């Protein structure tokens, strides 16, 4: 697991800091150190999860019982394992599971949390999982294999707006989480088939200013749009987490976000 490596990094940073801080450290330095220490503590809780739960099986949520990896290619692992990760989407995932979709296009799939999870949750669906990171391909392939859905998870690299035309006429869900590249991918002028697809996209205005507003303008004529803002977590905690302190319980569901990243859930009016 990555916890041992992170502990070494934390120890080295503390040693370096003790030598270089001749004056009171800045707020930015303290914030960076706090986040790193919180990540270290969360990794310790990940190791506890694997021991107490008898392996990496997701505890709750729409992907409950999915066999998971001991690492995430991007973002926090423990909220995925607990089933609280991005739980603002859970009611919409449950609704879409009953919509009769025939495919999912997951752009920015990382190690496959949604790609494999949706393949399990929607047995009739083929998932097209795309990411530009080769490590994500390896993780997604492994996750699909150990959950028995490799034949329905098709893994690929970069996805362009024009590629949506290959899915024209299908009942498709598009999921996009690309850390600021959402405007480049969700362009209905270059991919008109998007106008009839269900879309869930995470927006990153701090990286791409005006992304949320621009996407809303692009799709408001063709879709009904709901904005979801991540909020506090109230998880159904496993017994061993209930026995830990309040700080550990808070850190267990922390998703490492540095700034707000609201989702847009778009339902095609043609549906």
C-alpha atoms as a PDB file:
ATOM      1  CA  UNK A   1       0.000   0.000   0.000  1.00  0.00           C
ATOM      2  CA  UNK A   2       0.969   3.646  -0.341  1.00  0.00           C
ATOM      3  CA  UNK A   3       0.747   4.325   3.402  1.00  0.00           C
ATOM      4  CA  UNK A   4       4.357   3.351   4.137  1.00  0.00           C
ATOM      5  CA  UNK A   5       5.687   5.591   1.377  1.00  0.00           C
ATOM      6  CA  UNK A   6       3.546   8.465   2.580  1.00  0.00           C
ATOM      7  CA  UNK A   7       4.799   8.030   6.151  1.00  0.00           C
ATOM      8  CA  UNK A   8       8.346   8.350   4.860  1.00  0.00           C
ATOM      9  CA  UNK A   9       7.409  11.526   2.976  1.00  0.00           C
ATOM     10  CA  UNK A  10       5.758  13.027   6.059  1.00  0.00           C
ATOM     11  CA  UNK A  11       8.769  12.199   8.214  1.00  0.00           C
ATOM     12  CA  UNK A  12      11.160  13.758   5.702  1.00  0.00           C
ATOM     13  CA  UNK A  13       9.069  16.910   5.344  1.00  0.00           C
ATOM     14  CA  UNK A  14       8.928  17.330   9.116  1.00  0.00           C
ATOM     15  CA  UNK A  15      12.710  16.945   9.325  1.00  0.00           C
ATOM     16  CA  UNK A  16      13.243  19.461   6.532  1.00  0.00           C
ATOM     17  CA  UNK A  17      10.717  21.848   8.046  1.00  0.00           C
ATOM     18  CA  UNK A  18      12.391  21.798  11.438  1.00  0.00           C
ATOM     19  CA  UNK A  19      15.626  22.928   9.763  1.00  0.00           C
ATOM     20  CA  UNK A  20      14.149  25.605   7.506  1.00  0.00           C
ATOM     21  CA  UNK A  21      11.521  27.247   9.729  1.00  0.00           C
ATOM     22  CA  UNK A  22      13.554  29.998  11.350  1.00  0.00           C
ATOM     23  CA  UNK A  23      10.390  32.078  11.649  1.00  0.00           C
ATOM     24  CA  UNK A  24       6.733  31.188  12.107  1.00  0.00           C
ATOM     25  CA  UNK A  25       5.663  29.150   9.056  1.00  0.00           C
ATOM     26  CA  UNK A  26       3.211  30.729   6.634  1.00  0.00           C
ATOM     27  CA  UNK A  27      -0.471  29.792   6.523  1.00  0.00           C
ATOM     28  CA  UNK A  28       0.115  28.097   3.172  1.00  0.00           C
ATOM     29  CA  UNK A  29       2.947  25.977   4.582  1.00  0.00           C
ATOM     30  CA  UNK A  30       0.855  24.998   7.582  1.00  0.00           C
ATOM     31  CA  UNK A  31      -2.091  24.131   5.355  1.00  0.00           C
ATOM     32  CA  UNK A  32       0.061  21.938   3.104  1.00  0.00           C
ATOM     33  CA  UNK A  33       1.524  20.141   6.097  1.00  0.00           C
ATOM     34  CA  UNK A  34      -1.913  19.645   7.677  1.00  0.00           C
ATOM     35  CA  UNK A  35      -3.310  18.114   4.472  1.00  0.00           C
ATOM     36  CA  UNK A  36      -0.330  15.797   4.193  1.00  0.00           C
ATOM     37  CA  UNK A  37      -0.668  14.679   7.807  1.00  0.00           C
ATOM     38  CA  UNK A  38      -4.398  14.060   7.283  1.00  0.00           C
ATOM     39  CA  UNK A  39      -3.632  11.943   4.224  1.00  0.00           C
ATOM     40  CA  UNK A  40      -1.099   9.959   6.236  1.00  0.00           C
ATOM     41  CA  UNK A  41      -3.676   9.321   8.969  1.00  0.00           C
ATOM     42  CA  UNK A  42      -6.270   8.294   6.398  1.00  0.00           C
ATOM     43  CA  UNK A  43      -3.842   5.775   4.900  1.00  0.00           C
ATOM     44  CA  UNK A  44      -3.414   4.304   8.369  1.00  0.00           C
ATOM     45  CA  UNK A  45      -7.207   3.932   8.492  1.00  0.00           C
ATOM     46  CA  UNK A  46      -7.136   2.263   5.057  1.00  0.00           C
ATOM     47  CA  UNK A  47      -4.792  -0.370   6.457  1.00  0.00           C
ATOM     48  CA  UNK A  48      -7.168  -0.819   9.396  1.00  0.00           C
ATOM     49  CA  UNK A  49     -10.068  -1.243   6.946  1.00  0.00           C
ATOM     50  CA  UNK A  50      -8.322  -4.084   5.112  1.00  0.00           C
ATOM     51  CA  UNK A  51      -7.574  -5.857   8.391  1.00  0.00           C
ATOM     52  CA  UNK A  52     -10.934  -5.333  10.112  1.00  0.00           C
ATOM     53  CA  UNK A  53     -13.076  -5.962   7.024  1.00  0.00           C
ATOM     54  CA  UNK A  54     -11.073  -8.969   5.910  1.00  0.00           C
ATOM     55  CA  UNK A  55     -10.111  -7.419   2.555  1.00  0.00           C
ATOM     56  CA  UNK A  56     -11.020  -4.585   0.250  1.00  0.00           C
ATOM     57  CA  UNK A  57     -14.747  -5.085  -0.293  1.00  0.00           C
ATOM     58  CA  UNK A  58     -16.812  -1.890  -0.525  1.00  0.00           C
ATOM     59  CA  UNK A  59     -18.873  -1.576   2.644  1.00  0.00           C
ATOM     60  CA  UNK A  60     -21.993   0.336   1.516  1.00  0.00           C
ATOM     61  CA  UNK A  61     -23.541   2.485  -1.202  1.00  0.00           C
ATOM     62  CA  UNK A  62     -24.600   1.619  -4.771  1.00  0.00           C
ATOM     63  CA  UNK A  63     -21.413  -0.409  -5.353  1.00  0.00           C
ATOM     64  CA  UNK A  64     -21.632  -2.369  -2.097  1.00  0.00           C
ATOM     65  CA  UNK A  65     -19.729  -5.688  -2.200  1.00  0.00           C
ATOM     66  CA  UNK A  66     -17.515  -4.667  -5.130  1.00  0.00           C
ATOM     67  CA  UNK A  67     -14.035  -6.100  -4.590  1.00  0.00           C
ATOM     68  CA  UNK A  68     -11.703  -3.124  -4.640  1.00  0.00           C
ATOM     69  CA  UNK A  69      -8.016  -2.404  -5.082  1.00  0.00           C
ATOM     70  CA  UNK A  70      -5.595  -1.374  -2.339  1.00  0.00           C
ATOM     71  CA  UNK A  71      -4.880   1.902  -4.097  1.00  0.00           C
ATOM     72  CA  UNK A  72      -6.587   4.675  -6.084  1.00  0.00           C
ATOM     73  CA  UNK A  73      -4.943   6.205  -9.131  1.00  0.00           C
ATOM     74  CA  UNK A  74      -6.410   9.592  -8.188  1.00  0.00           C
ATOM     75  CA  UNK A  75      -8.015  10.867  -4.991  1.00  0.00           C
ATOM     76  CA  UNK A  76      -8.885   9.284  -1.669  1.00  0.00           C
ATOM     77  CA  UNK A  77      -9.217   5.500  -1.368  1.00  0.00           C
ATOM     78  CA  UNK A  78     -10.971   5.114   1.987  1.00  0.00           C
ATOM     79  CA  UNK A  79     -14.237   6.912   1.061  1.00  0.00           C
ATOM     80  CA  UNK A  80     -14.481   4.566  -1.919  1.00  0.00           C
ATOM     81  CA  UNK A  81     -14.041   1.550   0.354  1.00  0.00           C
ATOM     82  CA  UNK A  82     -16.611   2.861   2.835  1.00  0.00           C
ATOM     83  CA  UNK A  83     -19.086   3.624   0.050  1.00  0.00           C
ATOM     84  CA  UNK A  84     -19.410   7.330   0.922  1.00  0.00           C
ATOM     85  CA  UNK A  85     -17.409   8.608  -2.040  1.00  0.00           C
ATOM     86  CA  UNK A  86     -19.326  11.342  -3.905  1.00  0.00           C
ATOM     87  CA  UNK A  87     -22.522  10.168  -2.231  1.00  0.00           C
ATOM     88  CA  UNK A  88     -24.379  13.203  -3.549  1.00  0.00           C
ATOM     89  CA  UNK A  89     -24.588  11.175  -6.777  1.00  0.00           C
ATOM     90  CA  UNK A  90     -26.061   8.046  -5.198  1.00  0.00           C
ATOM     91  CA  UNK A  91     -29.784   8.841  -5.722  1.00  0.00           C
ATOM     92  CA  UNK A  92     -29.099   9.692  -9.361  1.00  0.00           C
ATOM     93  CA  UNK A  93     -27.101   6.498  -9.929  1.00  0.00           C
ATOM     94  CA  UNK A  94     -29.958   4.486  -8.465  1.00  0.00           C
ATOM     95  CA  UNK A  95     -32.445   6.273 -10.713  1.00  0.00           C
ATOM     96  CA  UNK A  96     -30.315   5.789 -13.817  1.00  0.00           C
ATOM     97  CA  UNK A  97     -29.926   2.098 -13.050  1.00  0.00           C
ATOM     98  CA  UNK A  98     -33.667   1.787 -13.732  1.00  0.00           C
ATOM     99  CA  UNK A  99     -33.627   3.875 -16.914  1.00  0.00           C
ATOM    100  CA  UNK A 100     -32.819   1.076 -19.363  1.00  0.00           C
ATOM    101  CA  UNK A 101     -29.433   2.350 -20.508  1.00  0.00           C
ATOM    102  CA  UNK A 102     -27.389   0.210 -22.880  1.00  0.00           C
ATOM    103  CA  UNK A 103     -23.977   1.827 -22.441  1.00  0.00           C
ATOM    104  CA  UNK A 104     -21.912   4.103 -20.224  1.00  0.00           C
ATOM    105  CA  UNK A 105     -19.082   6.331 -21.487  1.00  0.00           C
ATOM    106  CA  UNK A 106     -16.797   7.096 -18.543  1.00  0.00           C
ATOM    107  CA  UNK A 107     -14.229   9.743 -19.466  1.00  0.00           C
ATOM    108  CA  UNK A 108     -11.577  10.129 -16.781  1.00  0.00           C
ATOM    109  CA  UNK A 109     -12.247   6.663 -15.390  1.00  0.00           C
ATOM    110  CA  UNK A 110      -9.140   6.481 -13.127  1.00  0.00           C
ATOM    111  CA  UNK A 111      -8.868   2.971 -11.662  1.00  0.00           C
ATOM    112  CA  UNK A 112     -12.500   2.225 -12.499  1.00  0.00           C
ATOM    113  CA  UNK A 113     -14.634   3.057  -9.466  1.00  0.00           C
ATOM    114  CA  UNK A 114     -17.566   4.108 -11.660  1.00  0.00           C
ATOM    115  CA  UNK A 115     -16.705   2.048 -14.733  1.00  0.00           C
ATOM    116  CA  UNK A 116     -16.663  -1.261 -12.864  1.00  0.00           C
ATOM    117  CA  UNK A 117     -19.251  -0.191 -10.282  1.00  0.00           C
ATOM    118  CA  UNK A 118     -21.783   0.706 -12.965  1.00  0.00           C
ATOM    119  CA  UNK A 119     -21.037  -2.495 -14.888  1.00  0.00           C
ATOM    120  CA  UNK A 120     -21.937  -4.410 -11.727  1.00  0.00           C
ATOM    121  CA  UNK A 121     -24.968  -2.245 -10.931  1.00  0.00           C
ATOM    122  CA  UNK A 122     -26.290  -2.386 -14.524  1.00  0.00           C
ATOM    123  CA  UNK A 123     -25.760  -5.948 -15.829  1.00  0.00           C
ATOM    124  CA  UNK A 124     -27.122  -5.155 -19.320  1.00  0.00           C
ATOM    125  CA  UNK A 125     -24.727  -2.247 -19.893  1.00  0.00           C
ATOM    126  CA  UNK A 126     -21.356  -2.084 -21.643  1.00  0.00           C
ATOM    127  CA  UNK A 127     -19.015   0.510 -20.127  1.00  0.00           C
ATOM    128  CA  UNK A 128     -16.467   2.362 -22.267  1.00  0.00           C
ATOM    129  CA  UNK A 129     -13.816   3.522 -19.798  1.00  0.00           C
ATOM    130  CA  UNK A 130     -11.369   6.166 -21.014  1.00  0.00           C
ATOM    131  CA  UNK A 131      -8.373   7.804 -19.377  1.00  0.00           C
ATOM    132  CA  UNK A 132      -5.123   9.335 -20.628  1.00  0.00           C
ATOM    133  CA  UNK A 133      -3.101   7.768 -17.790  1.00  0.00           C
ATOM    134  CA  UNK A 134      -1.708   4.273 -18.554  1.00  0.00           C
ATOM    135  CA  UNK A 135      -1.709   3.505 -14.822  1.00  0.00           C
ATOM    136  CA  UNK A 136      -5.461   4.064 -14.811  1.00  0.00           C
ATOM    137  CA  UNK A 137      -5.818   1.511 -17.629  1.00  0.00           C
ATOM    138  CA  UNK A 138      -3.926  -1.082 -15.594  1.00  0.00           C
ATOM    139  CA  UNK A 139      -5.980  -0.425 -12.453  1.00  0.00           C
ATOM    140  CA  UNK A 140      -9.295  -0.444 -14.308  1.00  0.00           C
ATOM    141  CA  UNK A 141      -8.444  -3.704 -16.098  1.00  0.00           C
ATOM    142  CA  UNK A 142      -7.489  -5.343 -12.804  1.00  0.00           C
ATOM    143  CA  UNK A 143     -10.598  -4.077 -11.034  1.00  0.00           C
ATOM    144  CA  UNK A 144     -12.840  -5.300 -13.865  1.00  0.00           C
ATOM    145  CA  UNK A 145     -11.154  -8.724 -13.864  1.00  0.00           C
ATOM    146  CA  UNK A 146     -11.447  -9.331 -10.149  1.00  0.00           C
ATOM    147  CA  UNK A 147     -15.145  -8.414 -10.278  1.00  0.00           C
ATOM    148  CA  UNK A 148     -15.887 -10.587 -13.303  1.00  0.00           C
ATOM    149  CA  UNK A 149     -16.964  -7.829 -15.726  1.00  0.00           C
ATOM    150  CA  UNK A 150     -13.956  -7.590 -18.053  1.00  0.00           C
ATOM    151  CA  UNK A 151     -16.085  -8.505 -21.083  1.00  0.00           C
ATOM    152  CA  UNK A 152     -18.304  -5.445 -20.466  1.00  0.00           C
ATOM    153  CA  UNK A 153     -15.640  -2.866 -19.605  1.00  0.00           C
ATOM    154  CA  UNK A 154     -13.864  -1.616 -22.720  1.00  0.00           C
ATOM    155  CA  UNK A 155     -10.794   0.436 -21.809  1.00  0.00           C
ATOM    156  CA  UNK A 156      -9.412   3.210 -24.014  1.00  0.00           C
ATOM    157  CA  UNK A 157      -7.297   6.338 -24.015  1.00  0.00           C
ATOM    158  CA  UNK A 158      -8.067   9.924 -24.990  1.00  0.00           C
ATOM    159  CA  UNK A 159     -11.700  10.633 -25.884  1.00  0.00           C
ATOM    160  CA  UNK A 160     -12.598  13.496 -28.241  1.00  0.00           C
ATOM    161  CA  UNK A 161     -15.994  15.201 -28.623  1.00  0.00           C
ATOM    162  CA  UNK A 162     -16.382  13.714 -32.100  1.00  0.00           C
ATOM    163  CA  UNK A 163     -16.149  10.222 -30.581  1.00  0.00           C
ATOM    164  CA  UNK A 164     -19.629  10.624 -29.087  1.00  0.00           C
ATOM    165  CA  UNK A 165     -21.012  10.270 -32.615  1.00  0.00           C
ATOM    166  CA  UNK A 166     -20.104   6.602 -32.531  1.00  0.00           C
ATOM    167  CA  UNK A 167     -22.803   6.200 -29.856  1.00  0.00           C
ATOM    168  CA  UNK A 168     -25.533   8.198 -31.626  1.00  0.00           C
ATOM    169  CA  UNK A 169     -28.975   6.714 -31.133  1.00  0.00           C
ATOM    170  CA  UNK A 170     -27.989   4.674 -28.083  1.00  0.00           C
ATOM    171  CA  UNK A 171     -29.316   5.120 -24.548  1.00  0.00           C
ATOM    172  CA  UNK A 172     -26.006   6.312 -23.162  1.00  0.00           C
ATOM    173  CA  UNK A 173     -24.867   7.750 -19.850  1.00  0.00           C
ATOM    174  CA  UNK A 174     -21.797   9.983 -20.085  1.00  0.00           C
ATOM    175  CA  UNK A 175     -19.706  10.467 -16.952  1.00  0.00           C
ATOM    176  CA  UNK A 176     -16.908  13.043 -17.089  1.00  0.00           C
ATOM    177  CA  UNK A 177     -14.382  13.762 -14.350  1.00  0.00           C
ATOM    178  CA  UNK A 178     -11.284  15.101 -16.069  1.00  0.00           C
ATOM    179  CA  UNK A 179      -9.898  17.683 -13.634  1.00  0.00           C
ATOM    180  CA  UNK A 180     -10.658  20.749 -15.742  1.00  0.00           C
ATOM    181  CA  UNK A 181     -10.907  19.318 -19.270  1.00  0.00           C
ATOM    182  CA  UNK A 182     -14.698  19.024 -19.168  1.00  0.00           C
ATOM    183  CA  UNK A 183     -15.256  21.962 -21.546  1.00  0.00           C
ATOM    184  CA  UNK A 184     -12.992  20.435 -24.177  1.00  0.00           C
ATOM    185  CA  UNK A 185     -14.802  17.074 -24.006  1.00  0.00           C
ATOM    186  CA  UNK A 186     -18.457  18.084 -23.629  1.00  0.00           C
ATOM    187  CA  UNK A 187     -18.831  20.151 -26.809  1.00  0.00           C
ATOM    188  CA  UNK A 188     -22.215  19.486 -28.475  1.00  0.00           C
ATOM    189  CA  UNK A 189     -21.176  21.419 -31.580  1.00  0.00           C
ATOM    190  CA  UNK A 190     -18.496  18.808 -32.252  1.00  0.00           C
ATOM    191  CA  UNK A 191     -20.480  15.916 -30.761  1.00  0.00           C
ATOM    192  CA  UNK A 192     -24.186  16.543 -31.489  1.00  0.00           C
ATOM    193  CA  UNK A 193     -25.116  13.074 -30.193  1.00  0.00           C
ATOM    194  CA  UNK A 194     -24.566  14.453 -26.689  1.00  0.00           C
ATOM    195  CA  UNK A 195     -27.904  16.234 -26.893  1.00  0.00           C
ATOM    196  CA  UNK A 196     -29.743  12.925 -26.408  1.00  0.00           C
ATOM    197  CA  UNK A 197     -27.467  11.429 -23.738  1.00  0.00           C
ATOM    198  CA  UNK A 198     -27.650  11.460 -19.956  1.00  0.00           C
ATOM    199  CA  UNK A 199     -24.635  13.378 -18.605  1.00  0.00           C
ATOM    200  CA  UNK A 200     -22.984  13.558 -15.184  1.00  0.00           C
ATOM    201  CA  UNK A 201     -20.003  15.905 -15.066  1.00  0.00           C
ATOM    202  CA  UNK A 202     -17.839  17.224 -12.245  1.00  0.00           C
ATOM    203  CA  UNK A 203     -16.964  20.883 -12.783  1.00  0.00           C
ATOM    204  CA  UNK A 204     -13.655  22.517 -11.819  1.00  0.00           C
ATOM    205  CA  UNK A 205     -14.035  26.285 -11.989  1.00  0.00           C
ATOM    206  CA  UNK A 206     -10.770  26.815 -10.094  1.00  0.00           C
ATOM    207  CA  UNK A 207      -8.926  25.042 -12.908  1.00  0.00           C
ATOM    208  CA  UNK A 208     -11.115  26.154 -15.832  1.00  0.00           C
ATOM    209  CA  UNK A 209     -12.837  29.425 -14.856  1.00  0.00           C
ATOM    210  CA  UNK A 210     -16.505  29.533 -15.819  1.00  0.00           C
ATOM    211  CA  UNK A 211     -16.711  25.805 -16.620  1.00  0.00           C
ATOM    212  CA  UNK A 212     -20.003  25.217 -14.775  1.00  0.00           C
ATOM    213  CA  UNK A 213     -21.715  28.266 -16.275  1.00  0.00           C
ATOM    214  CA  UNK A 214     -20.457  27.464 -19.775  1.00  0.00           C
ATOM    215  CA  UNK A 215     -21.663  23.863 -19.619  1.00  0.00           C
ATOM    216  CA  UNK A 216     -25.043  25.005 -18.347  1.00  0.00           C
ATOM    217  CA  UNK A 217     -25.392  27.369 -21.322  1.00  0.00           C
ATOM    218  CA  UNK A 218     -24.336  24.668 -23.770  1.00  0.00           C
ATOM    219  CA  UNK A 219     -26.897  22.119 -22.586  1.00  0.00           C
ATOM    220  CA  UNK A 220     -29.808  24.047 -21.076  1.00  0.00           C
ATOM    221  CA  UNK A 221     -31.807  23.868 -24.320  1.00  0.00           C
ATOM    222  CA  UNK A 222     -31.430  20.087 -24.655  1.00  0.00           C
ATOM    223  CA  UNK A 223     -31.298  18.949 -21.016  1.00  0.00           C
ATOM    224  CA  UNK A 224     -32.890  19.428 -17.626  1.00  0.00           C
ATOM    225  CA  UNK A 225     -29.939  20.292 -15.373  1.00  0.00           C
ATOM    226  CA  UNK A 226     -29.513  19.788 -11.622  1.00  0.00           C
ATOM    227  CA  UNK A 227     -26.470  21.073  -9.740  1.00  0.00           C
ATOM    228  CA  UNK A 228     -25.183  18.953  -6.863  1.00  0.00           C
ATOM    229  CA  UNK A 229     -22.838  20.405  -4.251  1.00  0.00           C
ATOM    230  CA  UNK A 230     -20.774  18.027  -2.112  1.00  0.00           C
ATOM    231  CA  UNK A 231     -21.843  18.243   1.517  1.00  0.00           C
ATOM    232  CA  UNK A 232     -21.127  16.715   4.934  1.00  0.00           C
ATOM    233  CA  UNK A 233     -21.016  12.938   5.154  1.00  0.00           C
ATOM    234  CA  UNK A 234     -23.165  10.880   7.528  1.00  0.00           C
ATOM    235  CA  UNK A 235     -21.948   7.360   6.789  1.00  0.00           C
ATOM    236  CA  UNK A 236     -23.248   4.009   7.901  1.00  0.00           C
ATOM    237  CA  UNK A 237     -19.971   3.250   9.683  1.00  0.00           C
ATOM    238  CA  UNK A 238     -18.553  -0.237  10.232  1.00  0.00           C
ATOM    239  CA  UNK A 239     -18.263  -1.262  13.868  1.00  0.00           C
ATOM    240  CA  UNK A 240     -14.519  -0.691  14.143  1.00  0.00           C
ATOM    241  CA  UNK A 241     -14.806   2.892  12.858  1.00  0.00           C
ATOM    242  CA  UNK A 242     -17.561   3.655  15.400  1.00  0.00           C
ATOM    243  CA  UNK A 243     -15.085   2.742  18.134  1.00  0.00           C
ATOM    244  CA  UNK A 244     -12.503   5.288  16.959  1.00  0.00           C
ATOM    245  CA  UNK A 245     -12.362   8.986  17.801  1.00  0.00           C
ATOM    246  CA  UNK A 246     -14.424  11.648  16.082  1.00  0.00           C
ATOM    247  CA  UNK A 247     -11.417  13.005  14.175  1.00  0.00           C
ATOM    248  CA  UNK A 248     -10.710   9.581  12.662  1.00  0.00           C
ATOM    249  CA  UNK A 249     -14.367   9.291  11.666  1.00  0.00           C
ATOM    250  CA  UNK A 250     -14.178  12.665   9.914  1.00  0.00           C
ATOM    251  CA  UNK A 251     -10.912  11.830   8.179  1.00  0.00           C
ATOM    252  CA  UNK A 252     -12.268   8.469   7.035  1.00  0.00           C
ATOM    253  CA  UNK A 253     -14.749  10.138   4.652  1.00  0.00           C
ATOM    254  CA  UNK A 254     -12.540  13.084   3.600  1.00  0.00           C
ATOM    255  CA  UNK A 255     -12.236  13.141  -0.214  1.00  0.00           C
ATOM    256  CA  UNK A 256      -9.100  15.342  -0.367  1.00  0.00           C
ATOM    257  CA  UNK A 257     -10.874  18.214  -2.147  1.00  0.00           C
ATOM    258  CA  UNK A 258      -9.067  21.548  -2.022  1.00  0.00           C
ATOM    259  CA  UNK A 259     -12.009  23.551  -3.379  1.00  0.00           C
ATOM    260  CA  UNK A 260     -15.679  23.031  -4.345  1.00  0.00           C
ATOM    261  CA  UNK A 261     -16.285  20.804  -7.373  1.00  0.00           C
ATOM    262  CA  UNK A 262     -20.057  20.773  -7.963  1.00  0.00           C
ATOM    263  CA  UNK A 263     -21.626  18.213 -10.267  1.00  0.00           C
ATOM    264  CA  UNK A 264     -24.077  18.829 -13.074  1.00  0.00           C
ATOM    265  CA  UNK A 265     -26.573  16.024 -13.644  1.00  0.00           C
ATOM    266  CA  UNK A 266     -28.223  16.455 -17.036  1.00  0.00           C
ATOM    267  CA  UNK A 267     -31.273  14.562 -18.228  1.00  0.00           C
ATOM    268  CA  UNK A 268     -32.024  14.836 -21.969  1.00  0.00           C
ATOM    269  CA  UNK A 269     -35.370  16.428 -22.672  1.00  0.00           C
ATOM    270  CA  UNK A 270     -35.780  13.990 -25.543  1.00  0.00           C
ATOM    271  CA  UNK A 271     -36.026  11.179 -22.973  1.00  0.00           C
END
